[in-house]
Structures are given as structure tokens and as C-alpha cells.
Amino acid sequence: MTAKLVFLGRLEDLAGRAGEEITLTAPLDWYDVIGWLGDHYPPNLADTIAGEKVRLAINGALIPDKHTLVLADGDELAFLPPVSGG
């Protein structure tokens, strides 16, 4: 299966790139994704993404609970950092 990872905001800085296409065995759950990130990126990226403040979206739809993530072939998974403003 092929999926696209997209890192937004400061997560792009931590990852060192805006995104990446990955090829793995499907389907992937939350723990598979975090494990893959931990193996291929600096550890602080996976730790940050696993934190409560980072949100996830699959194909543009926000996921209310990261632990319910199931990534299928062709999906785009976006990692959304916390935002602030005024």
C-alpha cells in the first residue's frame, strides 16, 4: 500500500520536509504509524505527534481520536500542529 504523509507548520520543521510518500503493508493503525515515524525520523517528531495537541486528518477529514486511525491504500495523512493566534 502507498500513503502520503503531510507535515504542517512546525512539524514540517521537525521532519525536515513537508511530506513523504510511504509504501508499507496495509492497513496501518496508529501504533504502526508512530513506530514507522520513530524508525525514519528524529525521535522528537514521533514524540511530538503522539502528544495530545497534534491533530490528524485523513484525506482532509479530522480524526477525533488518534487511536482509531486506520490508514488504507492511497490515503493522505496530515499531521496538524497546535495553532495560536489573536
Protein backbone atom coordinates (compact mmCIF):
# COMPACT_ATOMS: atom_id res chain seq x y z
CA MET A 1 0.00 0.00 0.00
CA THR A 2 1.06 3.55 -0.61
CA ALA A 3 0.08 6.50 1.58
CA LYS A 4 1.14 10.11 1.76
CA LEU A 5 2.26 11.78 4.98
CA VAL A 6 1.96 15.56 5.22
CA PHE A 7 3.67 17.58 7.96
CA LEU A 8 2.27 21.06 8.56
CA GLY A 9 3.65 24.07 10.43
CA ARG A 10 6.40 23.38 12.93
CA LEU A 11 6.01 19.65 12.33
CA GLU A 12 7.47 20.25 8.86
CA ASP A 13 10.49 21.84 10.54
CA LEU A 14 10.90 18.85 12.87
CA ALA A 15 10.52 16.38 9.98
CA GLY A 16 12.86 18.30 7.71
CA ARG A 17 10.38 18.13 4.82
CA ALA A 18 6.75 18.86 4.03
CA GLY A 19 5.76 15.29 3.33
CA GLU A 20 6.63 11.88 2.07
CA GLU A 21 5.02 9.01 0.22
CA ILE A 22 5.44 5.70 2.03
CA THR A 23 4.94 2.13 0.92
CA LEU A 24 4.02 -0.40 3.61
CA THR A 25 1.77 -3.36 4.25
CA ALA A 26 -1.87 -2.29 4.72
CA PRO A 27 -3.78 -1.42 6.76
CA LEU A 28 -1.85 0.73 9.22
CA ASP A 29 -3.12 1.70 12.64
CA TRP A 30 -1.98 4.46 14.98
CA TYR A 31 0.79 2.37 16.55
CA ASP A 32 2.13 1.32 13.12
CA VAL A 33 2.35 4.97 12.03
CA ILE A 34 4.09 6.12 15.23
CA GLY A 35 6.51 3.20 15.01
CA TRP A 36 7.31 3.97 11.38
CA LEU A 37 7.90 7.64 12.19
CA GLY A 38 10.16 6.66 15.08
CA ASP A 39 12.22 4.45 12.75
CA HIS A 40 12.56 7.02 9.93
CA TYR A 41 12.60 10.44 11.60
CA PRO A 42 14.21 12.05 14.64
CA PRO A 43 12.61 10.69 17.84
CA ASN A 44 11.27 14.08 18.86
CA LEU A 45 8.96 14.10 15.81
CA ALA A 46 7.15 10.89 16.81
CA ASP A 47 7.00 12.05 20.44
CA THR A 48 5.52 15.40 19.40
CA ILE A 49 2.97 13.82 17.07
CA ALA A 50 1.95 11.35 19.77
CA GLY A 51 1.21 14.28 22.11
CA GLU A 52 -2.32 15.46 22.85
CA LYS A 53 -2.08 18.75 20.95
CA VAL A 54 -1.29 17.41 17.47
CA ARG A 55 -4.38 16.58 15.41
CA LEU A 56 -4.65 14.18 12.47
CA ALA A 57 -6.64 14.33 9.26
CA ILE A 58 -7.15 11.53 6.74
CA ASN A 59 -7.99 12.78 3.27
CA GLY A 60 -8.96 16.15 4.73
CA ALA A 61 -11.26 14.83 7.49
CA LEU A 62 -10.19 15.38 11.11
CA ILE A 63 -9.92 12.27 13.25
CA PRO A 64 -11.36 12.84 16.74
CA ASP A 65 -9.25 10.10 18.36
CA LYS A 66 -5.77 9.22 17.04
CA HIS A 67 -6.04 5.72 18.44
CA THR A 68 -8.86 4.92 15.99
CA LEU A 69 -6.65 5.70 12.98
CA VAL A 70 -6.74 3.15 10.16
CA LEU A 71 -4.71 4.16 7.11
CA ALA A 72 -5.60 2.45 3.82
CA ASP A 73 -4.03 2.39 0.38
CA GLY A 74 -3.97 5.82 -1.26
CA ASP A 75 -4.81 7.76 1.91
CA GLU A 76 -3.24 11.09 2.80
CA LEU A 77 -2.46 11.52 6.48
CA ALA A 78 -1.85 15.10 7.60
CA PHE A 79 -0.30 15.99 10.95
CA LEU A 80 -1.68 19.29 12.22
CA PRO A 81 0.27 21.17 14.91
CA PRO A 82 -1.42 23.22 17.60
CA VAL A 83 -2.21 26.73 16.47
CA SER A 84 -2.37 30.01 18.30
CA GLY A 85 -3.38 33.42 17.30
CA GLY A 86 -5.08 36.53 18.35
